[in-house]
Amino acid sequence: MKTKRTGSMQRRAMNQVWNAAGRYDCEAPFLAFKPDGSPDFYLNTVIGLAIRWLDTEALNAFFASYAHSARARALDMLVWLGIEQCLYEKEIPDRPMLAHMRRQYAESFFKEEETLSRQEMMAHNPRVYEQMRFRWGEVRGDRPFLMTPGAKRLFEKLQIPGSCDTKELIGQLKNILIDEFRFRDFRLGAHEGIPVSAQLSQILRNVMRRDARMQDSLIVRGSGTSAEQRASFLSTRELARGKEDEEYIRTCFGECLYDQAQMTVLENALCTGAHESCRLWYAKGETLPDEMKHKEAKLLAADIRKQHEKNTAFYQRSSVMIAAGIRQLTAQLDALLSTFLEPLPERAREGTLDAARAYRMKLLDDPYVFTHPGDEVENNLSVDILLDASSSRASAQEIIAAQAYVLARSLTRCHVPVQVEAFRSVKGFTVLQLLKSYEDADCNRIFRYYAAGWNRDGLALGALEKLTEKGAEKKLLLVLTDAHPNDSQKMPPEEGSVFAREYDGFAAVNDTIEAVGSLREKQFMVGAIFTGKTSYLENLHAIYGRYYVRIRKTEQLAVGAGTLLAQMLRELKN
């Protein structure tokens, strides 16, 4: 559930809440949306019933009392399970249709579960998600789940009867958080914005930051995980901060391109504002060492090798289609660049008069005061291709690698310097990985593309400028993205608050908009090739304006990228 949403989707969600509440003069404390961005009818009905049956001021105060916790999102999901059960029992006698709506929601829950990405799975608290599966499995009529004693006890406690009033409901929910989750730090008046000293504010932010970082991992447990692998997952929880985190990043991604003094300057300049608690790492993209300090890095190395093989195998299977795409895009680029890269002028006896040299004809008897287009052209254009390498892209890694290869190979054939980078975030580090440099004629390293971690788009875009220093005067940036910036490392609190903000939703999109705007002010032409969900199209348009193209199939890449590059080159020329 989310607190805000814009546009028609928000209005639809609010109407669903109001219909269930039976009133239209209230503001919903939560709104519920499906993964595709559409409103969730059943959950918004439950929110409306909460307004109808419960004291919303008391309920909001209860939510606010634990909002400072790093586990607040997971606790919200658990609390709503208890509230849903209570409200269902209150409403079902007067609204029999609610039972059908509830079963439909249970079915949709398990359908959506099948499509969860690794990044989304990482975001779930295991105990809370387990209870969600128990609840909706029971509603769907599944056979009883095999539960541990602790899970069964929690399941029974969440069966809150409809006879409870608001005070009794909150009391039972509070006891669940205390007894089952060891949470006791309830803060009365937290929603009133009580001022706190700067020192205490920093302590709270550091604690919350540590909790979020300790949950980061580049490897996600699968169903076929061995005992040795399971032990390695647990070991990541014991990684210390600071130097050990840096060593972990180095082990996973290789040495940094810049020395410590240069990185200090870069981080002081870039890791500010929304990114003040973050770190940067510019990876060479080299092969991981055989001897690794961290067990998880060994699993990561094996995973990267497997993905490299999959990317290469997909390229080989699709070689005819990819070759055709390269030929088509190369031809389009040749035509575009022939008008963009104008021939350098040559001095001549005839042609266009060069007024600044005209005096030489009479005074110095020099007839070469005219110019005409020569054979040599001025190639002052370079292109960077930035790939979102977060785990939300895991299901399309082979396709993304192939698309980046088509783009890079086509530009290289047209003698345009092109560089390919991938970015992801883990343990507070935003890692920019160089897959192909301007000087490198071989594009095959692009097939080392691997998706894992999170994506802090705003910081990655800001940090990219350093890698483009060797590029030409005129720079184009193509971002292959799903337009969904999302990072586990939180942003600093807003003024007057001590509670850190999630790097997600509006805040993350606005940060990315600012980063794109900053690059454009520095004479970068920035465009996006979008391969994400329809629900993120609003984000895409907000971030990149009119400079984007949507690609649904690799076969569409040549035409789509050609159209986008033509638009960007025309703008750059003007």
Protein backbone atom coordinates (compact mmCIF):
# COMPACT_ATOMS: atom_id res chain seq x y z
CA MET A 1 0.00 0.00 0.00
CA LYS A 2 1.19 3.50 -0.77
CA THR A 3 0.31 6.88 0.63
CA LYS A 4 0.16 8.86 -2.63
CA ARG A 5 -0.40 8.42 -6.35
CA THR A 6 -1.07 10.91 -9.13
CA GLY A 7 -3.41 11.14 -12.08
CA SER A 8 -6.37 9.03 -13.05
CA MET A 9 -5.14 5.98 -11.12
CA GLN A 10 -5.22 7.92 -7.86
CA ARG A 11 -8.72 9.21 -8.55
CA ARG A 12 -9.95 5.67 -9.25
CA ALA A 13 -8.38 4.40 -6.06
CA MET A 14 -9.90 7.24 -4.02
CA ASN A 15 -13.34 6.52 -5.51
CA GLN A 16 -13.04 2.88 -4.45
CA VAL A 17 -12.16 3.96 -0.90
CA TRP A 18 -14.99 6.50 -0.76
CA ASN A 19 -17.56 4.00 -2.06
CA ALA A 20 -16.69 1.54 0.71
CA ALA A 21 -16.56 4.27 3.35
CA GLY A 22 -19.95 5.63 2.28
CA ARG A 23 -18.62 9.20 2.43
CA TYR A 24 -16.70 11.52 0.15
CA ASP A 25 -15.37 14.10 2.61
CA CYS A 26 -12.42 12.06 3.90
CA GLU A 27 -8.80 11.58 2.91
CA ALA A 28 -7.53 8.00 2.79
CA PRO A 29 -4.42 7.32 4.94
CA PHE A 30 -3.41 4.59 2.46
CA LEU A 31 -4.16 3.73 -1.15
CA ALA A 32 -3.56 0.29 -2.68
CA PHE A 33 -2.21 -0.40 -6.16
CA LYS A 34 -1.37 -3.55 -8.08
CA PRO A 35 2.15 -4.10 -9.49
CA ASP A 36 0.98 -2.79 -12.90
CA GLY A 37 -0.08 0.50 -11.29
CA SER A 38 -3.85 -0.01 -11.41
CA PRO A 39 -5.89 0.39 -8.20
CA ASP A 40 -6.49 -2.73 -6.12
CA PHE A 41 -10.28 -2.88 -5.73
CA TYR A 42 -10.43 -5.22 -2.73
CA LEU A 43 -7.70 -3.60 -0.64
CA ASN A 44 -9.06 -0.11 -1.34
CA THR A 45 -12.46 -1.42 -0.22
CA VAL A 46 -10.84 -2.58 3.04
CA ILE A 47 -9.31 0.88 3.52
CA GLY A 48 -12.74 2.43 2.97
CA LEU A 49 -14.29 0.03 5.50
CA ALA A 50 -11.65 1.10 8.01
CA ILE A 51 -12.84 4.68 7.61
CA ARG A 52 -16.45 3.53 7.98
CA TRP A 53 -16.06 1.29 11.03
CA LEU A 54 -13.02 2.58 12.92
CA ASP A 55 -11.72 5.73 14.58
CA THR A 56 -9.33 6.87 11.83
CA GLU A 57 -7.54 9.40 14.06
CA ALA A 58 -6.64 6.67 16.54
CA LEU A 59 -5.68 4.32 13.72
CA ASN A 60 -3.46 6.96 12.06
CA ALA A 61 -1.80 7.67 15.40
CA PHE A 62 -1.05 3.94 15.77
CA PHE A 63 0.52 3.79 12.29
CA ALA A 64 2.57 6.91 13.12
CA SER A 65 3.79 5.41 16.40
CA TYR A 66 6.07 2.94 14.60
CA ALA A 67 6.66 4.85 11.34
CA HIS A 68 10.24 5.66 12.43
CA SER A 69 11.20 1.98 12.34
CA ALA A 70 13.27 0.57 9.48
CA ARG A 71 10.70 -2.26 9.50
CA ALA A 72 7.71 0.08 9.19
CA ARG A 73 6.74 -1.16 5.72
CA ALA A 74 6.73 -4.80 6.81
CA LEU A 75 4.83 -3.97 10.00
CA ASP A 76 2.23 -2.07 7.94
CA MET A 77 1.58 -5.17 5.83
CA LEU A 78 1.17 -7.30 8.96
CA VAL A 79 -1.10 -4.78 10.66
CA TRP A 80 -3.37 -4.60 7.62
CA LEU A 81 -3.75 -8.39 7.71
CA GLY A 82 -5.21 -8.07 11.21
CA ILE A 83 -7.37 -5.10 10.26
CA GLU A 84 -8.66 -6.87 7.14
CA GLN A 85 -9.83 -9.90 9.14
CA CYS A 86 -11.63 -7.73 11.68
CA LEU A 87 -13.34 -5.55 9.04
CA TYR A 88 -14.34 -8.57 6.95
CA GLU A 89 -16.22 -10.06 9.89
CA LYS A 90 -17.88 -6.70 10.62
CA GLU A 91 -19.05 -6.13 7.03
CA ILE A 92 -19.86 -9.60 5.65
CA PRO A 93 -23.38 -9.84 7.20
CA ASP A 94 -24.48 -6.72 5.27
CA ARG A 95 -22.30 -7.23 2.18
CA PRO A 96 -22.22 -10.94 1.11
CA MET A 97 -20.46 -9.96 -2.13
CA LEU A 98 -17.38 -9.22 -0.04
CA ALA A 99 -16.64 -12.96 0.19
CA HIS A 100 -16.39 -13.20 -3.61
CA MET A 101 -14.16 -10.12 -3.77
CA ARG A 102 -11.93 -11.62 -1.11
CA ARG A 103 -11.51 -14.90 -2.99
CA GLN A 104 -10.68 -13.00 -6.20
CA TYR A 105 -8.00 -11.07 -4.36
CA ALA A 106 -6.54 -14.31 -2.98
CA GLU A 107 -6.31 -15.73 -6.51
CA SER A 108 -4.61 -12.58 -7.80
CA PHE A 109 -2.13 -12.66 -4.90
CA PHE A 110 -0.78 -16.05 -5.94
CA LYS A 111 -0.73 -15.11 -9.63
CA GLU A 112 1.35 -12.03 -8.85
CA GLU A 113 3.62 -14.09 -6.63
CA GLU A 114 4.74 -16.06 -9.70
CA THR A 115 6.03 -12.88 -11.40
CA LEU A 116 7.93 -11.34 -8.46
CA SER A 117 11.44 -10.24 -9.41
CA ARG A 118 14.47 -10.90 -7.24
CA GLN A 119 14.49 -7.26 -6.19
CA GLU A 120 10.86 -7.46 -5.06
CA MET A 121 11.48 -10.71 -3.20
CA MET A 122 14.38 -9.06 -1.37
CA ALA A 123 12.02 -6.33 -0.17
CA HIS A 124 9.70 -8.71 1.72
CA ASN A 125 10.03 -9.59 5.38
CA PRO A 126 9.98 -13.44 5.37
CA ARG A 127 7.65 -13.83 8.38
CA VAL A 128 5.19 -11.25 7.13
CA TYR A 129 5.15 -12.67 3.61
CA GLU A 130 4.65 -16.16 5.07
CA GLN A 131 1.54 -14.92 6.92
CA MET A 132 0.20 -13.35 3.73
CA ARG A 133 0.54 -16.69 1.95
CA PHE A 134 -1.22 -18.47 4.85
CA ARG A 135 -4.08 -15.94 4.90
CA TRP A 136 -4.80 -15.88 1.19
CA GLY A 137 -4.22 -19.60 0.80
CA GLU A 138 -6.90 -20.25 3.42
CA VAL A 139 -9.28 -17.81 1.70
CA ARG A 140 -8.69 -19.55 -1.62
CA GLY A 141 -9.54 -22.90 -0.03
CA ASP A 142 -6.09 -24.48 -0.24
CA ARG A 143 -5.25 -27.45 1.94
CA PRO A 144 -3.98 -26.35 5.37
CA PHE A 145 -0.36 -25.22 5.28
CA LEU A 146 2.25 -26.97 7.39
CA MET A 147 3.17 -24.30 9.95
CA THR A 148 5.85 -24.06 12.59
CA PRO A 149 4.50 -23.48 16.13
CA GLY A 150 5.55 -19.80 15.98
CA ALA A 151 3.94 -19.24 12.58
CA LYS A 152 0.72 -20.95 13.72
CA ARG A 153 0.61 -18.81 16.86
CA LEU A 154 0.99 -15.60 14.81
CA PHE A 155 -1.59 -16.80 12.28
CA GLU A 156 -4.15 -17.34 15.05
CA LYS A 157 -3.42 -13.95 16.65
CA LEU A 158 -4.14 -12.23 13.33
CA GLN A 159 -7.66 -13.72 13.27
CA ILE A 160 -8.97 -10.61 15.04
CA PRO A 161 -12.76 -10.88 15.55
CA GLY A 162 -15.18 -8.37 14.11
CA SER A 163 -16.60 -7.68 17.56
CA CYS A 164 -13.54 -5.57 18.45
CA ASP A 165 -13.84 -1.80 18.54
CA THR A 166 -10.94 0.47 17.49
CA LYS A 167 -9.28 0.50 20.92
CA GLU A 168 -9.43 -3.30 21.26
CA LEU A 169 -8.19 -3.80 17.69
CA ILE A 170 -5.18 -1.51 18.18
CA GLY A 171 -4.45 -3.18 21.51
CA GLN A 172 -4.32 -6.63 19.91
CA LEU A 173 -2.18 -5.39 17.02
CA LYS A 174 0.22 -3.68 19.39
CA ASN A 175 0.59 -6.87 21.43
CA ILE A 176 1.36 -8.81 18.23
CA LEU A 177 4.19 -6.42 17.36
CA ILE A 178 5.57 -6.62 20.91
CA ASP A 179 5.29 -10.38 21.41
CA GLU A 180 6.03 -11.67 17.91
CA PHE A 181 8.38 -9.02 16.48
CA ARG A 182 10.07 -7.72 19.65
CA PHE A 183 9.00 -4.20 18.73
CA ARG A 184 8.48 -1.90 21.73
CA ASP A 185 9.60 1.52 20.53
CA PHE A 186 6.13 3.01 20.04
CA ARG A 187 6.29 6.81 19.94
CA LEU A 188 3.26 8.74 21.02
CA GLY A 189 2.88 11.99 19.11
CA ALA A 190 5.26 10.84 16.38
CA HIS A 191 2.82 12.08 13.78
CA GLU A 192 2.99 15.62 15.20
CA GLY A 193 6.57 16.17 14.09
CA ILE A 194 8.16 16.56 17.54
CA PRO A 195 11.50 18.43 17.19
CA VAL A 196 14.60 16.40 18.01
CA SER A 197 18.19 17.53 18.48
CA ALA A 198 20.57 17.28 15.53
CA GLN A 199 22.73 14.77 17.40
CA LEU A 200 19.79 12.46 18.12
CA SER A 201 18.60 12.90 14.54
CA GLN A 202 21.96 11.70 13.20
CA ILE A 203 21.95 8.70 15.57
CA LEU A 204 18.48 7.67 14.42
CA ARG A 205 19.43 8.04 10.77
CA ASN A 206 22.58 5.97 11.23
CA VAL A 207 20.66 3.18 12.96
CA MET A 208 18.03 3.11 10.21
CA ARG A 209 20.73 3.16 7.56
CA ARG A 210 22.50 0.21 9.11
CA ASP A 211 19.35 -1.86 9.22
CA ALA A 212 18.62 -1.22 5.54
CA ARG A 213 22.17 -1.95 4.43
CA MET A 214 22.37 -5.23 6.31
CA GLN A 215 19.44 -6.53 4.26
CA ASP A 216 21.22 -5.89 0.93
CA SER A 217 22.47 -8.87 -1.00
CA LEU A 218 23.37 -9.51 -4.62
CA ILE A 219 22.35 -13.17 -4.37
CA VAL A 220 18.76 -14.21 -3.69
CA ARG A 221 17.89 -17.60 -2.29
CA GLY A 222 16.31 -19.99 -4.80
CA SER A 223 14.30 -23.14 -4.25
CA GLY A 224 17.24 -25.37 -5.11
CA THR A 225 19.73 -23.81 -2.71
CA SER A 226 22.25 -26.10 -1.02
CA ALA A 227 23.10 -26.03 2.68
CA GLU A 228 26.49 -24.45 1.91
CA GLN A 229 24.82 -21.69 -0.12
CA ARG A 230 22.24 -21.06 2.60
CA ALA A 231 25.07 -20.52 5.07
CA SER A 232 26.62 -17.95 2.72
CA PHE A 233 23.39 -15.97 2.57
CA LEU A 234 23.32 -15.74 6.33
CA SER A 235 26.93 -14.64 6.43
CA THR A 236 26.08 -11.42 4.55
CA ARG A 237 24.08 -10.23 7.55
CA GLU A 238 27.32 -10.17 9.55
CA LEU A 239 29.25 -7.94 7.14
CA ALA A 240 30.50 -4.83 8.89
CA ARG A 241 30.09 -1.36 7.45
CA GLY A 242 32.80 0.90 6.08
CA LYS A 243 35.96 -0.81 4.90
CA GLU A 244 34.38 -4.26 4.88
CA ASP A 245 31.53 -3.05 2.67
CA GLU A 246 34.10 -1.51 0.34
CA GLU A 247 36.05 -4.76 0.25
CA TYR A 248 32.83 -6.61 -0.56
CA ILE A 249 32.15 -4.27 -3.50
CA ARG A 250 35.75 -4.62 -4.73
CA THR A 251 35.55 -8.40 -4.53
CA CYS A 252 32.27 -8.48 -6.44
CA PHE A 253 33.03 -5.93 -9.15
CA GLY A 254 36.80 -5.54 -9.34
CA GLU A 255 39.16 -2.66 -8.63
CA CYS A 256 38.03 0.94 -8.82
CA LEU A 257 39.03 3.00 -11.87
CA TYR A 258 40.13 5.90 -9.67
CA ASP A 259 42.41 6.12 -6.65
CA GLN A 260 41.26 6.94 -3.15
CA ALA A 261 42.02 10.67 -3.40
CA GLN A 262 40.00 10.99 -6.62
CA MET A 263 37.11 9.01 -5.12
CA THR A 264 37.07 11.27 -2.06
CA VAL A 265 36.70 14.32 -4.31
CA LEU A 266 33.97 12.63 -6.38
CA GLU A 267 31.97 11.45 -3.36
CA ASN A 268 32.22 14.86 -1.69
CA ALA A 269 30.84 16.44 -4.86
CA LEU A 270 28.16 13.87 -5.76
CA CYS A 271 27.07 12.14 -2.55
CA THR A 272 25.19 15.12 -1.17
CA GLY A 273 21.56 16.02 -0.57
CA ALA A 274 19.39 12.99 -1.28
CA HIS A 275 22.55 10.85 -1.57
CA GLU A 276 24.53 12.06 1.44
CA SER A 277 24.65 8.60 3.05
CA CYS A 278 25.68 6.83 -0.19
CA ARG A 279 29.02 5.76 -1.67
CA LEU A 280 30.29 5.44 -5.25
CA TRP A 281 32.34 2.80 -7.06
CA TYR A 282 33.58 2.95 -10.65
CA ALA A 283 34.31 -0.66 -11.61
CA LYS A 284 36.69 -1.72 -14.36
CA GLY A 285 34.42 -4.66 -15.15
CA GLU A 286 37.32 -7.06 -14.94
CA THR A 287 37.08 -10.79 -14.30
CA LEU A 288 36.52 -11.59 -10.62
CA PRO A 289 39.54 -13.03 -8.80
CA ASP A 290 39.73 -16.73 -8.04
CA GLU A 291 40.52 -16.16 -4.37
CA MET A 292 37.67 -14.31 -2.73
CA LYS A 293 37.25 -13.20 0.82
CA HIS A 294 33.46 -13.33 0.85
CA LYS A 295 31.56 -16.56 0.27
CA GLU A 296 28.71 -14.69 -1.35
CA ALA A 297 31.13 -13.26 -3.92
CA LYS A 298 31.99 -16.80 -4.99
CA LEU A 299 28.32 -17.47 -5.65
CA LEU A 300 28.07 -14.13 -7.46
CA ALA A 301 31.06 -14.99 -9.66
CA ALA A 302 29.44 -18.29 -10.61
CA ASP A 303 26.14 -16.52 -11.28
CA ILE A 304 27.85 -13.92 -13.49
CA ARG A 305 29.63 -16.62 -15.49
CA LYS A 306 26.34 -18.46 -16.03
CA GLN A 307 24.63 -15.26 -17.13
CA HIS A 308 27.52 -14.45 -19.47
CA GLU A 309 27.02 -17.85 -21.07
CA LYS A 310 23.25 -17.26 -21.34
CA ASN A 311 23.78 -13.83 -22.92
CA THR A 312 26.23 -15.26 -25.44
CA ALA A 313 23.98 -18.23 -26.21
CA PHE A 314 21.02 -15.90 -26.83
CA TYR A 315 23.17 -13.84 -29.19
CA GLN A 316 24.19 -16.96 -31.10
CA ARG A 317 20.59 -18.21 -31.34
CA SER A 318 19.42 -14.80 -32.51
CA SER A 319 22.44 -13.96 -34.66
CA VAL A 320 20.43 -13.58 -37.88
CA MET A 321 17.94 -11.19 -36.27
CA ILE A 322 20.71 -9.25 -34.49
CA ALA A 323 22.81 -8.95 -37.65
CA ALA A 324 19.77 -7.64 -39.54
CA GLY A 325 19.14 -5.09 -36.78
CA ILE A 326 22.77 -3.92 -36.91
CA ARG A 327 22.63 -3.49 -40.69
CA GLN A 328 19.35 -1.59 -40.50
CA LEU A 329 20.46 0.72 -37.69
CA THR A 330 23.88 1.29 -39.28
CA ALA A 331 22.22 2.38 -42.51
CA GLN A 332 19.96 4.81 -40.62
CA LEU A 333 22.91 6.20 -38.67
CA ASP A 334 24.98 6.66 -41.83
CA ALA A 335 22.21 8.77 -43.32
CA LEU A 336 21.75 10.76 -40.10
CA LEU A 337 25.44 11.40 -39.53
CA SER A 338 26.03 12.44 -43.14
CA THR A 339 23.95 15.56 -42.45
CA PHE A 340 25.05 16.02 -38.84
CA LEU A 341 28.81 15.65 -39.37
CA GLU A 342 29.39 18.33 -41.95
CA PRO A 343 32.59 18.34 -44.07
CA LEU A 344 35.37 20.63 -42.89
CA PRO A 345 35.89 23.61 -45.23
CA GLU A 346 38.96 23.75 -47.49
CA ARG A 347 40.60 26.87 -48.94
CA ALA A 348 40.13 27.25 -52.69
CA ARG A 349 40.39 29.65 -55.63
CA GLU A 350 36.62 29.63 -55.98
CA GLY A 351 33.57 28.86 -53.85
CA THR A 352 32.21 30.80 -50.88
CA LEU A 353 34.11 33.99 -50.08
CA ASP A 354 35.78 34.01 -46.66
CA ALA A 355 35.27 37.68 -45.74
CA ALA A 356 37.96 37.58 -43.06
CA ARG A 357 40.58 36.63 -45.68
CA ALA A 358 39.37 38.77 -48.59
CA TYR A 359 42.06 41.45 -47.99
CA ARG A 360 44.76 38.91 -48.88
CA MET A 361 43.75 38.79 -52.54
CA LYS A 362 44.81 42.38 -53.23
CA LEU A 363 47.49 42.97 -50.63
CA LEU A 364 49.26 39.61 -50.78
CA ASP A 365 48.18 38.41 -54.20
CA ASP A 366 46.67 35.30 -52.49
CA PRO A 367 43.81 33.81 -54.53
CA TYR A 368 42.90 31.23 -51.79
CA VAL A 369 40.34 33.41 -50.07
CA PHE A 370 37.40 31.15 -50.92
CA THR A 371 36.21 27.91 -49.24
CA HIS A 372 34.39 24.82 -50.38
CA PRO A 373 33.41 21.58 -48.52
CA GLY A 374 36.32 19.18 -48.25
CA ASP A 375 36.49 15.41 -48.00
CA GLU A 376 37.36 15.41 -44.27
CA VAL A 377 34.52 15.58 -41.74
CA GLU A 378 34.55 16.83 -38.16
CA ASN A 379 33.59 13.90 -35.93
CA ASN A 380 32.98 15.62 -32.60
CA LEU A 381 30.21 13.32 -31.36
CA SER A 382 30.34 10.49 -28.81
CA VAL A 383 27.57 8.29 -27.42
CA ASP A 384 27.20 6.63 -24.02
CA ILE A 385 24.79 3.75 -23.41
CA LEU A 386 23.79 3.35 -19.77
CA LEU A 387 22.14 0.07 -18.73
CA ASP A 388 19.98 -0.34 -15.65
CA ALA A 389 21.50 -3.47 -14.07
CA SER A 390 19.25 -3.78 -11.02
CA SER A 391 17.55 -7.07 -10.24
CA SER A 392 14.24 -5.78 -11.62
CA ARG A 393 15.85 -6.41 -15.02
CA ALA A 394 16.82 -10.01 -14.18
CA SER A 395 14.14 -11.60 -16.36
CA ALA A 396 15.38 -9.73 -19.47
CA GLN A 397 19.17 -9.84 -19.10
CA GLU A 398 19.85 -11.65 -22.38
CA ILE A 399 17.59 -9.26 -24.31
CA ILE A 400 19.10 -6.13 -22.73
CA ALA A 401 22.65 -7.34 -23.48
CA ALA A 402 21.67 -8.04 -27.11
CA GLN A 403 20.02 -4.62 -27.47
CA ALA A 404 23.08 -2.84 -26.08
CA TYR A 405 25.28 -4.85 -28.45
CA VAL A 406 23.17 -3.85 -31.48
CA LEU A 407 23.38 -0.17 -30.50
CA ALA A 408 27.11 -0.21 -29.76
CA ARG A 409 28.03 -2.25 -32.84
CA SER A 410 26.01 -0.01 -35.16
CA LEU A 411 27.57 3.18 -33.77
CA THR A 412 31.05 1.66 -33.94
CA ARG A 413 30.54 0.79 -37.61
CA CYS A 414 29.70 4.45 -38.21
CA HIS A 415 33.00 5.44 -36.52
CA VAL A 416 31.23 7.11 -33.60
CA PRO A 417 33.02 6.63 -30.26
CA VAL A 418 30.65 4.68 -28.01
CA GLN A 419 30.90 3.64 -24.38
CA VAL A 420 28.65 1.20 -22.50
CA GLU A 421 28.14 1.30 -18.74
CA ALA A 422 25.88 -0.63 -16.34
CA PHE A 423 24.76 0.60 -12.93
CA ARG A 424 23.31 -0.92 -9.78
CA SER A 425 23.25 -0.18 -6.05
CA VAL A 426 24.09 -2.49 -3.14
CA LYS A 427 25.08 -1.90 0.48
CA GLY A 428 24.84 1.85 -0.01
CA PHE A 429 27.25 1.83 -2.99
CA THR A 430 26.12 2.90 -6.45
CA VAL A 431 28.36 0.90 -8.78
CA LEU A 432 29.04 2.08 -12.33
CA GLN A 433 30.58 -0.76 -14.31
CA LEU A 434 32.42 -0.07 -17.57
CA LEU A 435 31.51 -2.77 -20.10
CA LYS A 436 32.99 -1.06 -23.18
CA SER A 437 35.20 2.06 -23.44
CA TYR A 438 35.38 4.55 -26.30
CA GLU A 439 38.74 3.13 -27.38
CA ASP A 440 37.62 -0.51 -27.29
CA ALA A 441 36.59 -1.77 -30.74
CA ASP A 442 35.38 -5.11 -29.35
CA CYS A 443 31.73 -5.05 -28.25
CA ASN A 444 31.65 -8.62 -26.88
CA ARG A 445 32.36 -7.51 -23.31
CA ILE A 446 28.81 -6.15 -23.27
CA PHE A 447 27.64 -9.76 -22.85
CA ARG A 448 29.07 -9.63 -19.30
CA TYR A 449 25.98 -7.62 -18.39
CA TYR A 450 24.46 -8.98 -15.19
CA ALA A 451 21.45 -7.71 -13.21
CA ALA A 452 21.42 -7.67 -9.40
CA GLY A 453 20.82 -5.20 -6.57
CA TRP A 454 18.86 -1.94 -6.65
CA ASN A 455 18.94 1.18 -8.84
CA ARG A 456 19.59 4.71 -7.60
CA ASP A 457 19.14 6.41 -10.97
CA GLY A 458 19.72 9.99 -9.79
CA LEU A 459 23.16 9.26 -8.33
CA ALA A 460 24.18 7.00 -11.24
CA LEU A 461 23.34 9.69 -13.81
CA GLY A 462 25.23 12.32 -11.83
CA ALA A 463 28.26 10.06 -11.45
CA LEU A 464 28.31 9.13 -15.14
CA GLU A 465 29.76 12.48 -16.19
CA LYS A 466 33.20 11.49 -14.85
CA LEU A 467 33.32 8.47 -17.19
CA THR A 468 32.53 10.63 -20.25
CA GLU A 469 35.54 12.95 -19.90
CA LYS A 470 37.32 11.22 -22.81
CA GLY A 471 34.27 11.60 -25.02
CA ALA A 472 33.76 14.16 -27.76
CA GLU A 473 32.60 17.72 -27.29
CA LYS A 474 29.03 16.82 -28.19
CA LYS A 475 27.65 13.97 -26.09
CA LEU A 476 24.59 11.75 -26.42
CA LEU A 477 23.39 9.52 -23.60
CA LEU A 478 20.98 6.63 -24.18
CA VAL A 479 19.58 5.05 -21.01
CA LEU A 480 18.07 1.55 -21.28
CA THR A 481 15.62 1.68 -18.39
CA ASP A 482 12.31 0.58 -16.87
CA ALA A 483 11.83 4.10 -15.38
CA HIS A 484 11.48 2.76 -11.84
CA PRO A 485 14.24 4.15 -9.60
CA ASN A 486 14.26 2.22 -6.32
CA ASP A 487 16.99 1.79 -3.71
CA SER A 488 17.19 0.27 -0.24
CA GLN A 489 19.41 3.13 0.97
CA LYS A 490 17.07 5.79 2.27
CA MET A 491 17.21 9.53 1.68
CA PRO A 492 17.77 12.02 4.52
CA PRO A 493 14.65 13.28 6.28
CA GLU A 494 12.87 16.41 5.18
CA GLU A 495 13.43 19.58 7.16
CA GLY A 496 11.75 19.38 10.55
CA SER A 497 11.69 15.58 10.62
CA VAL A 498 14.11 12.90 11.80
CA PHE A 499 12.64 10.05 9.78
CA ALA A 500 14.48 9.01 6.62
CA ARG A 501 12.53 8.77 3.36
CA GLU A 502 12.40 5.80 1.00
CA TYR A 503 14.21 6.17 -2.32
CA ASP A 504 11.15 5.12 -4.30
CA GLY A 505 8.05 6.57 -5.89
CA PHE A 506 7.77 10.35 -6.29
CA ALA A 507 10.91 11.20 -4.34
CA ALA A 508 13.11 8.92 -6.46
CA VAL A 509 11.50 10.06 -9.73
CA ASN A 510 11.98 13.74 -8.80
CA ASP A 511 15.62 13.08 -7.93
CA THR A 512 16.15 11.41 -11.32
CA ILE A 513 14.43 14.32 -13.10
CA GLU A 514 16.91 16.71 -11.45
CA ALA A 515 19.86 14.53 -12.50
CA VAL A 516 18.72 14.42 -16.15
CA GLY A 517 18.15 18.19 -16.09
CA SER A 518 21.65 18.75 -14.71
CA LEU A 519 23.21 16.69 -17.52
CA ARG A 520 21.24 18.56 -20.16
CA GLU A 521 22.45 21.87 -18.73
CA LYS A 522 25.99 20.56 -19.33
CA GLN A 523 25.23 20.02 -23.04
CA PHE A 524 24.38 16.31 -22.82
CA MET A 525 21.51 15.12 -24.98
CA VAL A 526 19.76 12.51 -22.81
CA GLY A 527 17.21 10.02 -24.13
CA ALA A 528 15.70 6.74 -22.94
CA ILE A 529 14.94 3.39 -24.52
CA PHE A 530 12.10 2.05 -22.39
CA THR A 531 11.43 -1.66 -21.92
CA GLY A 532 9.42 -1.55 -18.68
CA LYS A 533 5.83 -1.88 -17.51
CA THR A 534 3.02 0.33 -18.73
CA SER A 535 2.48 1.53 -15.15
CA TYR A 536 5.84 3.34 -15.28
CA LEU A 537 5.15 5.29 -18.48
CA GLU A 538 4.22 8.36 -16.41
CA ASN A 539 7.63 8.17 -14.71
CA LEU A 540 9.31 7.82 -18.10
CA HIS A 541 7.65 10.91 -19.53
CA ALA A 542 8.30 12.93 -16.36
CA ILE A 543 12.02 12.04 -16.34
CA TYR A 544 12.95 12.16 -20.03
CA GLY A 545 10.32 14.45 -21.49
CA ARG A 546 9.78 13.74 -25.20
CA TYR A 547 13.16 12.08 -25.70
CA TYR A 548 12.25 8.43 -25.36
CA VAL A 549 11.07 5.44 -27.34
CA ARG A 550 9.31 2.31 -26.11
CA ILE A 551 10.63 -1.05 -27.31
CA ARG A 552 8.54 -4.18 -26.77
CA LYS A 553 10.60 -6.55 -28.95
CA THR A 554 14.27 -6.60 -29.96
CA GLU A 555 13.17 -6.54 -33.61
CA GLN A 556 11.78 -3.02 -33.01
CA LEU A 557 15.09 -1.67 -31.68
CA ALA A 558 16.64 -0.51 -34.97
CA VAL A 559 13.63 1.55 -36.03
CA GLY A 560 12.94 2.87 -32.51
CA ALA A 561 16.55 3.76 -31.70
CA GLY A 562 17.02 5.31 -35.15
CA THR A 563 13.98 7.53 -34.64
CA LEU A 564 15.15 8.59 -31.17
CA LEU A 565 18.72 9.31 -32.32
CA ALA A 566 17.41 11.36 -35.27
CA GLN A 567 15.34 13.46 -32.86
CA MET A 568 18.29 13.95 -30.50
CA LEU A 569 20.76 14.78 -33.28
CA ARG A 570 18.41 17.39 -34.76
CA GLU A 571 18.09 19.02 -31.36
CA LEU A 572 21.85 18.87 -30.80
CA LYS A 573 22.54 20.43 -34.20
CA ASN A 574 20.15 23.30 -33.54
